[in-house]
Amino acid sequence: MVGPWARWERHVARRRARERGTDGQHVPTETYACRECEHDWPCAPARLSLLIGFDGDRVGLMMYLAAHLARALEALPDRHPALVVGQIIYWVPRRR
């Protein structure tokens, strides 16, 4: 059984999502934080949706992320480039 506190937290999360207008999509903001959960983008749900969306097309996924990397390097000039690369690129599973 779900308690009242858990229901309240879900209600607040849905209300915040509606206010932000994201509809549950984990997309990056201008500072490359997730618009939905406010973690560094790509967050875990965004990574999962990217892997499912590209369906084994690792080259296409890397090209998509490289485009985001170029934008992120311009948007985050105060962050060390290695940290930005680690955030956006290094999570992709290696080929076996």
Protein backbone atom coordinates (compact mmCIF):
# COMPACT_ATOMS: atom_id res chain seq x y z
CA MET A 1 0.00 0.00 0.00
CA VAL A 2 1.24 3.45 -0.88
CA GLY A 3 1.30 5.83 2.03
CA PRO A 4 0.11 9.42 2.00
CA TRP A 5 3.64 10.80 1.95
CA ALA A 6 4.55 8.83 -1.18
CA ARG A 7 1.35 9.98 -2.89
CA TRP A 8 2.16 13.57 -1.95
CA GLU A 9 5.69 13.29 -3.37
CA ARG A 10 4.35 11.90 -6.65
CA HIS A 11 1.78 14.68 -6.80
CA VAL A 12 4.43 17.35 -6.24
CA ALA A 13 6.72 15.80 -8.87
CA ARG A 14 3.91 15.73 -11.44
CA ARG A 15 2.96 19.32 -10.64
CA ARG A 16 6.57 20.49 -11.02
CA ALA A 17 6.84 18.67 -14.34
CA ARG A 18 3.67 20.37 -15.58
CA GLU A 19 4.98 23.76 -14.48
CA ARG A 20 8.24 23.17 -16.32
CA GLY A 21 6.39 21.84 -19.33
CA THR A 22 8.60 18.78 -19.81
CA ASP A 23 5.92 16.06 -19.68
CA GLY A 24 8.35 13.53 -18.25
CA GLN A 25 10.98 13.96 -20.95
CA HIS A 26 14.56 14.02 -19.76
CA VAL A 27 16.00 16.66 -22.09
CA PRO A 28 18.95 18.98 -21.50
CA THR A 29 18.69 22.60 -20.47
CA GLU A 30 21.08 25.33 -21.61
CA THR A 31 23.47 24.33 -18.80
CA TYR A 32 23.20 20.62 -19.66
CA ALA A 33 21.24 19.67 -16.58
CA CYS A 34 18.21 17.45 -17.03
CA ARG A 35 15.05 19.50 -17.28
CA GLU A 36 13.00 16.82 -15.53
CA CYS A 37 15.17 15.58 -12.65
CA GLU A 38 17.84 18.33 -12.57
CA HIS A 39 20.80 15.91 -12.63
CA ASP A 40 23.62 16.25 -15.15
CA TRP A 41 22.35 15.36 -18.61
CA PRO A 42 22.18 12.61 -19.77
CA CYS A 43 20.73 11.30 -16.52
CA ALA A 44 19.96 7.60 -16.08
CA PRO A 45 16.45 7.78 -17.64
CA ALA A 46 17.80 9.82 -20.56
CA ARG A 47 20.61 7.30 -21.11
CA LEU A 48 18.14 4.46 -21.14
CA SER A 49 15.84 6.22 -23.59
CA LEU A 50 18.80 7.07 -25.84
CA LEU A 51 19.97 3.45 -25.86
CA ILE A 52 16.46 2.23 -26.65
CA GLY A 53 15.90 4.95 -29.24
CA PHE A 54 19.09 4.27 -31.15
CA ASP A 55 18.50 0.50 -30.90
CA GLY A 56 22.06 -0.73 -31.27
CA ASP A 57 23.19 2.01 -33.66
CA ARG A 58 26.25 2.93 -31.63
CA VAL A 59 27.74 5.13 -34.36
CA GLY A 60 24.53 7.14 -34.67
CA LEU A 61 24.32 7.51 -30.90
CA MET A 62 27.92 8.70 -30.70
CA MET A 63 27.35 11.23 -33.48
CA TYR A 64 24.24 12.53 -31.71
CA LEU A 65 26.15 12.83 -28.44
CA ALA A 66 29.10 14.47 -30.21
CA ALA A 67 26.77 17.20 -31.45
CA HIS A 68 25.56 17.70 -27.88
CA LEU A 69 29.17 17.69 -26.71
CA ALA A 70 30.04 20.54 -29.07
CA ARG A 71 27.08 22.55 -27.79
CA ALA A 72 27.91 21.74 -24.17
CA LEU A 73 31.52 22.85 -24.55
CA GLU A 74 30.27 26.21 -25.81
CA ALA A 75 27.58 26.47 -23.14
CA LEU A 76 29.85 25.50 -20.23
CA PRO A 77 33.10 27.45 -20.69
CA ASP A 78 33.89 27.38 -16.95
CA ARG A 79 33.87 23.59 -16.73
CA HIS A 80 36.91 21.53 -17.60
CA PRO A 81 36.43 19.89 -21.02
CA ALA A 82 37.34 16.44 -19.69
CA LEU A 83 34.46 16.64 -17.22
CA VAL A 84 32.03 17.58 -19.95
CA VAL A 85 33.24 14.72 -22.15
CA GLY A 86 32.89 12.33 -19.23
CA GLN A 87 29.37 13.53 -18.58
CA ILE A 88 28.13 13.24 -22.15
CA ILE A 89 30.21 10.57 -23.90
CA TYR A 90 31.85 8.09 -21.52
CA TRP A 91 28.67 6.39 -20.35
CA VAL A 92 28.05 4.72 -23.72
CA PRO A 93 28.62 0.95 -23.46
CA ARG A 94 31.71 -0.35 -25.18
CA ARG A 95 31.44 -2.72 -28.09
CA ARG A 96 32.01 -6.37 -27.16
